[in-house]
């Protein structure tokens, strides 16, 4: 898929609250570094994923990109689930 403005908005919707909670609960982590690594990895995953259509044509694209945004934060954090 091509990284579009809609994918960028999905990142901001999904990550705003997530990183706020992490900052409160895990004060010893470098959240700004984690956010940079996760955003970079998110872009890589979006660009490497085959296209399934636009947000207008395929409603599942929201679920796919939302899942990518969630997984990248999990993959990049110091302690992994």
N, C-alpha and C. Protein backbone atom coordinates (compact mmCIF):
# COMPACT_ATOMS: atom_id res chain seq x y z
N UNK A 1 0.85 -1.17 0.00
CA UNK A 1 0.00 0.00 0.00
C UNK A 1 0.89 1.23 0.00
N UNK A 2 0.35 2.27 -0.48
CA UNK A 2 1.05 3.55 -0.44
C UNK A 2 0.67 4.26 0.87
N UNK A 3 1.63 4.89 1.51
CA UNK A 3 1.39 5.60 2.77
C UNK A 3 0.68 6.91 2.44
N UNK A 4 -0.58 7.02 2.83
CA UNK A 4 -1.39 8.20 2.48
C UNK A 4 -1.69 9.04 3.72
N UNK A 5 -2.34 10.15 3.49
CA UNK A 5 -2.72 11.02 4.61
C UNK A 5 -3.72 10.31 5.53
N UNK A 6 -4.56 9.45 4.97
CA UNK A 6 -5.50 8.69 5.80
C UNK A 6 -4.76 7.73 6.73
N UNK A 7 -3.68 7.13 6.24
CA UNK A 7 -2.87 6.25 7.09
C UNK A 7 -2.19 7.06 8.20
N UNK A 8 -1.78 8.26 7.86
CA UNK A 8 -1.17 9.14 8.85
C UNK A 8 -2.18 9.52 9.94
N UNK A 9 -3.41 9.80 9.53
CA UNK A 9 -4.45 10.11 10.50
C UNK A 9 -4.77 8.91 11.38
N UNK A 10 -4.78 7.72 10.79
CA UNK A 10 -5.03 6.51 11.58
C UNK A 10 -3.96 6.36 12.65
N UNK A 11 -2.71 6.64 12.30
CA UNK A 11 -1.61 6.58 13.28
C UNK A 11 -1.91 7.51 14.46
N UNK A 12 -2.29 8.76 14.15
CA UNK A 12 -2.54 9.72 15.21
C UNK A 12 -3.75 9.34 16.06
N UNK A 13 -4.80 8.82 15.45
CA UNK A 13 -5.97 8.40 16.22
C UNK A 13 -5.63 7.25 17.16
N UNK A 14 -4.88 6.29 16.67
CA UNK A 14 -4.57 5.10 17.47
C UNK A 14 -3.51 5.35 18.54
N UNK A 15 -2.56 6.22 18.26
CA UNK A 15 -1.41 6.33 19.15
C UNK A 15 -1.49 7.44 20.18
N UNK A 16 -2.33 8.42 19.97
CA UNK A 16 -2.40 9.53 20.91
C UNK A 16 -2.63 9.07 22.34
N UNK A 17 -3.66 8.33 22.56
CA UNK A 17 -4.00 7.86 23.90
C UNK A 17 -3.05 6.77 24.38
N UNK A 18 -2.62 5.89 23.47
CA UNK A 18 -1.73 4.78 23.85
C UNK A 18 -0.44 5.29 24.48
N UNK A 19 0.19 6.25 23.84
CA UNK A 19 1.46 6.75 24.37
C UNK A 19 1.26 7.58 25.63
N UNK A 20 0.11 8.23 25.77
CA UNK A 20 -0.18 8.96 27.00
C UNK A 20 -0.25 8.00 28.19
N UNK A 21 -0.93 6.88 28.00
CA UNK A 21 -1.04 5.88 29.06
C UNK A 21 0.33 5.28 29.36
N UNK A 22 1.11 4.96 28.33
CA UNK A 22 2.45 4.42 28.55
C UNK A 22 3.34 5.39 29.32
N UNK A 23 3.23 6.68 28.99
CA UNK A 23 4.04 7.69 29.67
C UNK A 23 3.71 7.73 31.16
N UNK A 24 2.43 7.56 31.49
CA UNK A 24 2.02 7.58 32.89
C UNK A 24 2.42 6.31 33.63
N UNK A 25 2.26 5.16 32.98
CA UNK A 25 2.48 3.89 33.65
C UNK A 25 3.93 3.40 33.61
N UNK A 26 4.68 3.81 32.62
CA UNK A 26 6.06 3.33 32.45
C UNK A 26 6.99 4.53 32.35
N UNK A 27 7.15 5.22 33.44
CA UNK A 27 7.94 6.46 33.44
C UNK A 27 9.41 6.21 33.10
N UNK A 28 9.91 5.00 33.32
CA UNK A 28 11.32 4.73 33.06
C UNK A 28 11.63 4.53 31.57
N UNK A 29 10.61 4.35 30.74
CA UNK A 29 10.82 4.18 29.30
C UNK A 29 11.01 5.52 28.61
N UNK A 30 11.78 5.52 27.54
CA UNK A 30 11.95 6.71 26.71
C UNK A 30 10.82 6.70 25.67
N UNK A 31 9.72 7.34 26.00
CA UNK A 31 8.52 7.29 25.16
C UNK A 31 8.73 8.00 23.83
N UNK A 32 9.47 9.09 23.82
CA UNK A 32 9.68 9.79 22.55
C UNK A 32 10.47 8.92 21.57
N UNK A 33 11.46 8.19 22.06
CA UNK A 33 12.22 7.28 21.20
C UNK A 33 11.34 6.12 20.73
N UNK A 34 10.53 5.59 21.63
CA UNK A 34 9.60 4.51 21.28
C UNK A 34 8.63 4.97 20.20
N UNK A 35 8.12 6.19 20.34
CA UNK A 35 7.18 6.73 19.35
C UNK A 35 7.84 6.88 17.98
N UNK A 36 9.09 7.36 17.95
CA UNK A 36 9.80 7.51 16.67
C UNK A 36 10.04 6.16 16.01
N UNK A 37 10.48 5.18 16.79
CA UNK A 37 10.72 3.84 16.24
C UNK A 37 9.42 3.21 15.73
N UNK A 38 8.36 3.35 16.49
CA UNK A 38 7.08 2.75 16.12
C UNK A 38 6.51 3.41 14.86
N UNK A 39 6.63 4.72 14.75
CA UNK A 39 6.12 5.41 13.56
C UNK A 39 6.90 5.00 12.32
N UNK A 40 8.21 4.89 12.46
CA UNK A 40 9.05 4.45 11.34
C UNK A 40 8.66 3.03 10.91
N UNK A 41 8.48 2.15 11.88
CA UNK A 41 8.10 0.77 11.60
C UNK A 41 6.70 0.70 10.98
N UNK A 42 5.78 1.55 11.44
CA UNK A 42 4.43 1.61 10.88
C UNK A 42 4.47 1.96 9.40
N UNK A 43 5.26 2.97 9.06
CA UNK A 43 5.40 3.35 7.64
C UNK A 43 5.95 2.20 6.82
N UNK A 44 6.95 1.50 7.36
CA UNK A 44 7.54 0.36 6.65
C UNK A 44 6.50 -0.74 6.43
N UNK A 45 5.71 -1.03 7.44
CA UNK A 45 4.69 -2.08 7.32
C UNK A 45 3.61 -1.68 6.32
N UNK A 46 3.16 -0.42 6.38
CA UNK A 46 2.13 0.04 5.44
C UNK A 46 2.65 -0.05 4.01
N UNK A 47 3.88 0.38 3.77
CA UNK A 47 4.44 0.34 2.42
C UNK A 47 4.67 -1.09 1.93
N UNK A 48 4.93 -2.02 2.84
CA UNK A 48 5.21 -3.41 2.44
C UNK A 48 3.95 -4.25 2.27
N UNK A 49 2.82 -3.77 2.76
CA UNK A 49 1.57 -4.53 2.69
C UNK A 49 0.91 -4.35 1.32
N UNK A 50 0.44 -5.43 0.72
CA UNK A 50 -0.27 -5.30 -0.56
C UNK A 50 -1.56 -4.47 -0.38
N UNK A 51 -1.91 -3.71 -1.38
CA UNK A 51 -3.09 -2.85 -1.31
C UNK A 51 -4.37 -3.67 -1.34
N UNK A 52 -5.35 -3.26 -0.54
CA UNK A 52 -6.67 -3.91 -0.56
C UNK A 52 -7.73 -2.92 -1.01
N UNK A 53 -7.32 -1.81 -1.58
CA UNK A 53 -8.26 -0.80 -2.04
C UNK A 53 -8.19 0.44 -1.16
N UNK A 54 -9.05 1.39 -1.46
CA UNK A 54 -9.06 2.64 -0.71
C UNK A 54 -9.97 2.51 0.52
N UNK A 55 -9.92 3.50 1.36
CA UNK A 55 -10.80 3.51 2.53
C UNK A 55 -12.27 3.57 2.10
N UNK A 56 -12.54 4.23 1.01
CA UNK A 56 -13.90 4.34 0.53
C UNK A 56 -14.40 3.02 -0.07
N UNK A 57 -13.54 2.32 -0.80
CA UNK A 57 -13.95 1.09 -1.48
C UNK A 57 -13.97 -0.13 -0.56
N UNK A 58 -13.10 -0.17 0.42
CA UNK A 58 -13.00 -1.36 1.26
C UNK A 58 -12.98 -0.94 2.73
N UNK A 59 -14.07 -1.21 3.42
CA UNK A 59 -14.19 -0.79 4.82
C UNK A 59 -13.21 -1.54 5.74
N UNK A 60 -12.68 -2.66 5.30
CA UNK A 60 -11.73 -3.41 6.12
C UNK A 60 -10.35 -2.77 6.17
N UNK A 61 -10.10 -1.80 5.30
CA UNK A 61 -8.79 -1.14 5.32
C UNK A 61 -8.59 -0.39 6.65
N UNK A 62 -9.66 0.14 7.22
CA UNK A 62 -9.55 0.80 8.53
C UNK A 62 -9.08 -0.19 9.59
N UNK A 63 -9.63 -1.38 9.56
CA UNK A 63 -9.23 -2.41 10.52
C UNK A 63 -7.78 -2.82 10.30
N UNK A 64 -7.39 -2.96 9.04
CA UNK A 64 -6.03 -3.37 8.72
C UNK A 64 -5.01 -2.34 9.19
N UNK A 65 -5.22 -1.08 8.86
CA UNK A 65 -4.25 -0.05 9.25
C UNK A 65 -4.30 0.20 10.76
N UNK A 66 -5.47 0.11 11.37
CA UNK A 66 -5.56 0.24 12.82
C UNK A 66 -4.79 -0.87 13.52
N UNK A 67 -4.89 -2.07 13.00
CA UNK A 67 -4.13 -3.20 13.55
C UNK A 67 -2.63 -3.00 13.38
N UNK A 68 -2.23 -2.46 12.24
CA UNK A 68 -0.80 -2.18 12.01
C UNK A 68 -0.29 -1.16 13.03
N UNK A 69 -1.08 -0.13 13.27
CA UNK A 69 -0.68 0.91 14.23
C UNK A 69 -0.54 0.31 15.63
N UNK A 70 -1.45 -0.57 16.01
CA UNK A 70 -1.40 -1.18 17.33
C UNK A 70 -0.20 -2.12 17.46
N UNK A 71 0.02 -2.96 16.46
CA UNK A 71 1.11 -3.94 16.50
C UNK A 71 2.49 -3.27 16.52
N UNK A 72 2.67 -2.19 15.77
CA UNK A 72 4.00 -1.55 15.75
C UNK A 72 4.39 -1.03 17.12
N UNK A 73 3.43 -0.53 17.87
CA UNK A 73 3.77 -0.07 19.22
C UNK A 73 4.18 -1.25 20.09
N UNK A 74 3.49 -2.37 19.93
CA UNK A 74 3.83 -3.57 20.71
C UNK A 74 5.20 -4.09 20.35
N UNK A 75 5.52 -4.08 19.07
CA UNK A 75 6.81 -4.63 18.59
C UNK A 75 7.98 -3.76 19.05
N UNK A 76 7.79 -2.47 19.08
CA UNK A 76 8.91 -1.56 19.38
C UNK A 76 9.11 -1.26 20.85
N UNK A 77 8.18 -1.61 21.71
CA UNK A 77 8.35 -1.27 23.12
C UNK A 77 9.41 -2.17 23.77
N UNK A 78 10.10 -1.66 24.79
CA UNK A 78 11.19 -2.43 25.44
C UNK A 78 10.71 -3.76 26.03
N UNK A 79 9.55 -3.74 26.65
CA UNK A 79 8.99 -4.98 27.17
C UNK A 79 7.86 -5.38 26.26
N UNK A 80 7.95 -6.58 25.69
CA UNK A 80 6.97 -7.01 24.70
C UNK A 80 5.97 -7.97 25.32
N UNK A 81 4.74 -7.87 24.89
CA UNK A 81 3.68 -8.76 25.39
C UNK A 81 3.80 -10.11 24.76
